[in-house]
Protein backbone atom coordinates (compact mmCIF):
# COMPACT_ATOMS: atom_id res chain seq x y z
CA MET A 1 25.96 1.22 8.76
CA ASP A 2 23.67 2.20 5.65
CA TYR A 3 22.32 -1.60 5.01
CA LEU A 4 21.98 -1.77 9.27
CA LEU A 5 19.93 1.37 8.86
CA LEU A 6 17.94 0.13 6.61
CA LEU A 7 16.82 -3.35 7.97
CA VAL A 8 16.22 -1.83 11.89
CA GLY A 9 14.32 0.72 9.43
CA ILE A 10 12.27 -2.20 7.79
CA GLY A 11 11.78 -4.18 10.97
CA LEU A 12 10.13 -1.26 13.15
CA LEU A 13 8.13 0.01 10.22
CA TYR A 14 6.60 -4.08 9.79
CA ALA A 15 6.20 -3.66 13.25
CA GLY A 16 4.63 -0.82 13.41
CA GLY A 17 2.92 -1.71 10.77
CA GLU A 18 1.19 -4.69 12.73
CA SER A 19 0.30 -2.70 15.65
CA LEU A 20 -1.59 -0.15 14.01
CA VAL A 21 -3.35 -2.36 11.87
CA ARG A 22 -4.60 -4.95 14.95
CA GLY A 23 -5.47 -2.44 17.04
CA ALA A 24 -7.53 -0.22 14.88
CA ALA A 25 -9.39 -2.86 13.51
CA ASN A 26 -10.65 -4.13 16.63
CA LEU A 27 -11.62 -0.80 16.99
CA GLY A 28 -13.31 -0.67 14.48
CA ARG A 29 -15.26 -3.51 14.53
CA ARG A 30 -16.68 -2.72 18.46
CA LEU A 31 -18.14 1.04 16.77
CA GLY A 32 -20.17 -1.10 14.61
CA LEU A 33 -17.77 -1.65 11.50
CA SER A 34 -18.61 -4.54 9.26
CA PRO A 35 -15.44 -6.73 8.68
CA MET A 36 -15.24 -5.97 5.21
CA VAL A 37 -15.28 -2.13 4.69
CA ILE A 38 -12.94 -1.99 8.01
CA GLY A 39 -10.76 -4.41 5.21
CA LEU A 40 -10.96 -1.81 2.56
CA THR A 41 -10.49 1.23 4.65
CA ILE A 42 -8.68 0.59 8.78
CA VAL A 43 -6.41 -2.52 7.62
CA SER A 44 -5.24 -0.55 4.17
CA MET A 45 -4.63 2.91 5.67
CA GLY A 46 -2.74 1.24 8.46
CA THR A 47 -1.11 -1.54 5.72
CA SER A 48 -0.07 1.87 4.24
CA SER A 49 0.89 3.43 6.97
CA PRO A 50 5.02 2.28 6.56
CA GLU A 51 4.56 4.36 3.12
CA LEU A 52 3.06 7.80 4.89
CA ALA A 53 5.78 7.40 7.87
CA ALA A 54 8.61 6.99 4.98
CA SER A 55 7.35 9.49 2.38
CA LEU A 56 6.93 12.19 4.92
CA ALA A 57 10.23 11.61 6.05
CA GLY A 58 11.96 11.63 3.10
CA VAL A 59 10.14 14.96 2.30
CA PHE A 60 11.36 17.00 5.36
CA LYS A 61 14.88 15.35 4.93
CA GLY A 62 15.38 16.56 1.09
CA ALA A 63 15.02 12.58 -0.88
CA PRO A 64 11.73 13.62 -2.46
CA ALA A 65 12.65 11.52 -4.83
CA VAL A 66 12.69 8.52 -2.42
CA ALA A 67 9.01 9.63 -1.17
CA MET A 68 7.96 10.00 -5.01
CA GLY A 69 9.40 6.39 -5.69
CA ASN A 70 7.93 4.69 -2.74
CA ILE A 71 4.66 5.42 -3.17
CA ILE A 72 4.61 4.63 -7.09
CA GLY A 73 6.92 1.51 -6.21
CA SER A 74 4.38 0.38 -3.44
CA ASN A 75 1.62 0.10 -5.56
CA ILE A 76 3.37 -2.13 -8.12
CA ALA A 77 5.05 -4.04 -5.95
CA ASN A 78 1.24 -4.74 -4.09
CA LEU A 79 -0.22 -5.71 -7.30
CA SER A 80 2.48 -7.76 -8.57
CA LEU A 81 4.87 -9.00 -6.05
CA VAL A 82 2.38 -9.03 -3.41
CA LEU A 83 -0.41 -10.63 -4.89
CA GLY A 84 2.10 -12.41 -7.58
CA VAL A 85 3.66 -14.71 -4.33
CA THR A 86 0.20 -15.01 -2.42
CA GLY A 87 -1.86 -16.05 -5.86
CA ALA A 88 1.21 -18.58 -6.46
CA ILE A 89 1.04 -20.17 -3.45
CA TRP A 90 -3.11 -20.58 -3.84
CA PRO A 91 -4.89 -19.33 -6.85
CA LEU A 92 -7.18 -16.90 -5.42
CA THR A 93 -10.62 -16.67 -6.29
CA ILE A 94 -13.28 -13.38 -5.21
CA ALA A 95 -16.62 -13.94 -3.96
CA ALA A 96 -17.14 -10.08 -2.78
CA ARG A 97 -18.93 -8.05 -4.87
CA PHE A 98 -18.01 -5.26 -3.30
CA ILE A 99 -14.45 -6.22 -4.03
CA ARG A 100 -14.44 -6.40 -7.89
CA ARG A 101 -16.57 -3.03 -7.92
CA GLU A 102 -13.73 -1.23 -6.46
CA VAL A 103 -10.90 -2.56 -9.03
CA PRO A 104 -12.21 0.75 -11.49
CA PHE A 105 -11.96 2.91 -8.61
CA MET A 106 -8.09 1.97 -7.98
CA LEU A 107 -7.56 2.20 -11.83
CA LEU A 108 -9.10 5.70 -11.86
CA THR A 109 -6.28 7.21 -9.01
CA SER A 110 -3.53 5.74 -10.45
CA ALA A 111 -4.63 7.82 -13.45
CA LEU A 112 -5.55 10.71 -12.01
CA VAL A 113 -1.71 11.42 -10.62
CA PHE A 114 -0.47 11.61 -14.39
CA PRO A 115 -2.37 15.14 -15.00
CA ILE A 116 -0.89 16.06 -11.18
CA VAL A 117 2.41 15.76 -11.50
CA TRP A 118 2.41 16.59 -15.21
CA ASP A 119 4.17 20.11 -13.97
CA GLY A 120 6.68 18.67 -12.35
CA GLN A 121 5.38 18.72 -8.48
CA VAL A 122 3.26 17.85 -6.11
CA SER A 123 0.67 21.34 -4.75
CA ARG A 124 -0.98 21.36 -1.44
CA LEU A 125 -3.75 22.34 -3.61
CA GLU A 126 -3.13 19.21 -5.34
CA GLY A 127 -2.75 17.57 -2.67
CA GLY A 128 -5.57 19.12 -0.79
CA LEU A 129 -7.48 17.26 -3.98
CA LEU A 130 -6.17 13.99 -3.25
CA LEU A 131 -7.24 14.11 0.52
CA ALA A 132 -10.73 14.94 -0.76
CA ILE A 133 -11.42 12.41 -2.80
CA LEU A 134 -10.06 10.00 -0.34
CA VAL A 135 -12.67 11.63 2.18
CA VAL A 136 -15.97 11.26 -0.53
CA TYR A 137 -13.96 7.79 -1.39
CA LEU A 138 -14.48 6.53 2.85
CA MET A 139 -17.99 7.70 2.49
CA ARG A 140 -19.29 5.91 -0.17
CA LEU A 141 -17.85 2.77 1.40
CA LEU A 142 -19.65 3.54 4.64
CA TRP A 143 -23.00 4.69 3.35
CA ARG A 144 -23.49 2.89 0.06
CA ARG A 145 -22.19 -0.73 0.19
CA ALA A 146 -24.07 -3.93 0.11
CA PRO A 147 -24.45 -6.88 1.91
CA GLU A 148 -22.23 -9.54 0.89
CA ARG A 149 -23.20 -13.47 1.14
CA ALA A 150 -22.50 -14.23 4.90
CA GLY A 151 -19.71 -16.71 4.04
CA VAL A 152 -17.98 -13.81 2.90
CA SER A 153 -18.33 -11.67 6.13
CA ALA A 154 -17.01 -14.80 7.84
CA GLU A 155 -14.53 -14.45 6.60
CA PHE A 156 -13.39 -11.19 7.10
CA ASP A 157 -14.51 -11.47 10.61
CA GLU A 158 -12.36 -14.46 11.06
CA ALA A 159 -9.23 -12.65 10.26
CA LEU A 160 -10.12 -8.90 11.32
CA GLY A 161 -12.25 -9.31 14.46
CA ASP A 162 -9.71 -10.31 17.65
CA ARG A 163 -12.84 -8.74 19.64
CA TRP A 164 -11.17 -10.00 22.70
CA ARG A 165 -9.09 -6.74 23.07
CA SER A 166 -10.02 -4.07 25.38
CA VAL A 167 -10.85 -0.78 24.27
CA GLY A 168 -7.23 0.48 26.14
CA VAL A 169 -5.32 -2.45 25.00
CA SER A 170 -6.77 -1.20 21.17
CA LEU A 171 -5.55 2.21 21.56
CA THR A 172 -2.24 1.22 23.82
CA MET A 173 -1.64 -0.91 20.40
CA VAL A 174 -2.17 1.93 17.56
CA ILE A 175 -0.25 5.04 19.73
CA ALA A 176 2.67 2.14 20.11
CA GLY A 177 2.55 1.47 15.59
CA VAL A 178 2.52 5.27 15.31
CA GLY A 179 5.74 5.46 17.42
CA LEU A 180 7.85 3.07 15.70
CA LEU A 181 6.46 4.38 12.36
CA VAL A 182 7.70 7.14 13.15
CA VAL A 183 11.25 5.92 14.31
CA GLY A 184 11.03 3.03 11.94
CA ALA A 185 11.06 6.08 8.90
CA HIS A 186 13.26 7.89 9.90
CA PHE A 187 16.01 4.92 10.22
CA LEU A 188 14.80 3.95 6.81
CA ILE A 189 15.18 6.98 5.04
CA LEU A 190 18.91 7.56 6.68
CA GLY A 191 19.24 4.23 5.39
CA ALA A 192 18.06 4.36 2.09
CA VAL A 193 19.53 8.33 1.14
CA GLY A 194 22.97 6.30 2.45
CA LEU A 195 23.40 3.26 0.16
CA ALA A 196 21.84 5.58 -2.68
CA ARG A 197 24.62 7.66 -2.51
CA ALA A 198 27.00 4.41 -2.09
CA LEU A 199 25.99 2.31 -5.39
CA GLY A 200 25.89 5.53 -7.09
CA VAL A 201 22.10 5.31 -8.18
CA GLY A 202 19.32 7.35 -7.63
CA GLU A 203 17.61 8.13 -4.63
CA ARG A 204 14.15 7.60 -7.50
CA VAL A 205 16.13 4.13 -8.01
CA ILE A 206 15.76 3.08 -3.82
CA GLY A 207 12.70 4.44 -3.39
CA LEU A 208 11.25 2.34 -6.25
CA THR A 209 12.94 -0.55 -5.27
CA ILE A 210 14.28 -1.08 -1.19
CA VAL A 211 12.38 1.36 0.79
CA ALA A 212 8.81 0.53 -2.09
CA PHE A 213 9.11 -3.29 -0.85
CA GLY A 214 10.41 -2.49 2.97
CA THR A 215 7.25 -0.38 3.58
CA SER A 216 5.20 -3.28 2.09
CA LEU A 217 5.94 -5.70 4.16
CA PRO A 218 3.04 -5.25 5.63
CA GLU A 219 1.12 -6.13 2.87
CA LEU A 220 2.95 -9.11 2.23
CA ALA A 221 2.24 -10.70 5.32
CA SER A 222 -1.03 -10.34 5.52
CA SER A 223 -1.63 -11.28 2.43
CA LEU A 224 0.65 -14.54 2.69
CA VAL A 225 -1.10 -15.37 5.90
CA ALA A 226 -5.11 -15.16 4.29
CA ALA A 227 -3.50 -16.98 1.30
CA ALA A 228 -2.77 -20.00 3.64
CA ARG A 229 -6.09 -19.69 4.61
CA LYS A 230 -7.34 -19.31 1.24
CA GLU A 231 -9.01 -15.88 1.50
CA GLY A 232 -8.96 -14.17 -1.59
CA ASP A 233 -11.26 -11.67 -0.73
CA ILE A 234 -8.45 -10.40 2.20
CA VAL A 235 -6.11 -10.38 -0.20
CA ILE A 236 -7.34 -8.42 -2.80
CA GLY A 237 -9.19 -6.09 -0.33
CA ASN A 238 -6.27 -5.34 1.63
CA LEU A 239 -3.97 -4.76 -2.04
CA ILE A 240 -6.95 -2.46 -3.53
CA GLY A 241 -7.13 -0.85 -0.57
CA SER A 242 -3.81 0.46 0.01
CA ASN A 243 -3.02 1.36 -3.94
CA VAL A 244 -5.92 3.73 -3.37
CA PHE A 245 -4.72 4.94 0.23
CA ASN A 246 -1.09 5.24 -1.08
CA ILE A 247 -2.42 7.75 -3.89
CA LEU A 248 -4.97 9.52 -2.31
CA PHE A 249 -3.94 9.37 1.29
CA ILE A 250 -0.18 9.27 1.50
CA LEU A 251 0.80 11.15 -1.89
CA GLY A 252 -2.00 13.42 -0.50
CA ALA A 253 -1.01 14.14 2.83
CA THR A 254 2.79 14.23 1.94
CA ALA A 255 1.92 17.50 -0.17
CA VAL A 256 -0.04 19.08 2.25
CA ALA A 257 2.51 18.78 4.57
CA ARG A 258 5.15 19.85 2.13
CA PRO A 259 4.73 20.46 -1.79
CA LEU A 260 6.50 17.52 -3.42
CA MET A 261 9.05 18.38 -5.74
CA ILE A 262 9.90 16.09 -9.07
CA VAL A 263 13.27 15.79 -8.70
CA GLU A 264 13.58 12.54 -11.18
CA PRO A 265 11.56 11.72 -14.30
CA ILE A 266 8.98 9.04 -13.43
CA TRP A 267 6.99 8.40 -16.60
CA LEU A 268 8.02 4.89 -17.09
CA ASP A 269 7.63 4.25 -13.63
CA LEU A 270 3.91 5.60 -13.31
CA THR A 271 3.10 3.73 -16.78
CA VAL A 272 4.52 0.72 -15.66
CA MET A 273 2.72 0.77 -12.15
CA MET A 274 -0.50 1.88 -14.72
CA MET A 275 0.36 -1.74 -16.83
CA VAL A 276 0.16 -3.63 -13.95
CA SER A 277 -3.32 -2.28 -12.22
CA LEU A 278 -4.96 -3.04 -15.86
CA VAL A 279 -3.41 -6.51 -15.49
CA VAL A 280 -5.31 -6.94 -12.40
CA TRP A 281 -8.43 -5.46 -13.27
CA ARG A 282 -8.43 -7.68 -16.71
CA CYS A 283 -7.91 -10.75 -13.78
CA PHE A 284 -10.51 -9.66 -11.29
CA GLY A 285 -12.77 -7.22 -13.49
CA THR A 286 -14.35 -9.16 -15.99
CA GLY A 287 -13.48 -12.53 -14.03
CA SER A 288 -13.09 -14.02 -10.07
CA ARG A 289 -10.08 -15.74 -9.95
CA LEU A 290 -6.11 -15.37 -10.04
CA SER A 291 -4.39 -19.08 -11.74
CA ARG A 292 -1.23 -19.47 -10.84
CA ALA A 293 0.03 -19.31 -13.98
CA GLU A 294 -0.97 -15.81 -14.29
CA ALA A 295 0.08 -14.97 -10.63
CA ILE A 296 3.90 -16.27 -11.62
CA GLY A 297 3.80 -13.85 -14.42
CA LEU A 298 2.92 -10.71 -12.48
CA VAL A 299 6.49 -11.84 -10.41
CA VAL A 300 8.01 -11.56 -13.58
CA GLY A 301 7.71 -9.22 -14.34
CA TYR A 302 8.07 -7.03 -11.41
CA CYS A 303 11.14 -9.22 -11.35
CA THR A 304 11.88 -7.54 -14.76
CA TYR A 305 11.20 -4.47 -13.57
CA VAL A 306 13.83 -3.82 -10.34
CA ILE A 307 16.37 -5.66 -12.91
CA ALA A 308 15.48 -3.06 -15.68
CA LEU A 309 15.85 0.07 -12.94
CA PHE A 310 19.37 -1.24 -12.24
CA ILE A 311 21.25 -1.60 -15.06
CA TRP A 312 19.51 1.68 -16.76
CA LYS A 313 20.43 3.51 -13.86
């Protein structure tokens, strides 16, 4: 039954995330937002919505370790598994200067988690601080963005346009997506907690692996499609934006809703998250290409990390 609940929850989260992303992206285009801003904000927030639903469900159902593990594990999975798999399919090249500038900010948000969890909890005040930083980040994206080459804008527009949808249809997709996310998160947390108890592993490990993988499916699906089209800017823009939102939005909103207690050690996991972020910054911050060998190395690193989690559970 736990496995069934997990599968149903993951399926509903995926469907809800996709519906929310498509509807919100089209609304953004109708409001006059550029495709690149939509990719780093609306799409990233939409693909992070399963993480938000799962984390909120975790804290309200008495599983804070699942909630925290989900946030950290999703960030690790995004920049190792998802980026690695897509890069292995096609070596990724970034043309957008706009995106490369966001990588250092992702590093800063990742480093910010360390002092926040130092006292063993994330308070409402700290959650509010993260949300305030998010607001400043969004304002900077909207008001101080630099123009990009026409080819880059066309790439984003082709992937995220969908201008044929009416406002009514887009709003319906957003509302339906939110509903599916709520129901899916309920099933996912029930299944995850039950599975952790049955396997004799901590809720932290389940959150870092199974739950994180399930909530990262929207990022994986959208990245695979973009990689098949050789749209490297879509891939990395979505993943960088999702990691920023996971910390500033998901962790912030979860802590504001209910202070998040750190009930299991997470320092090693935070260190892994930071190391993966540094590796990606090294690849894209000083260059513009992720080779197939580097991508495969990211996947191998992720698999090694997951195996180690279950061995030293």
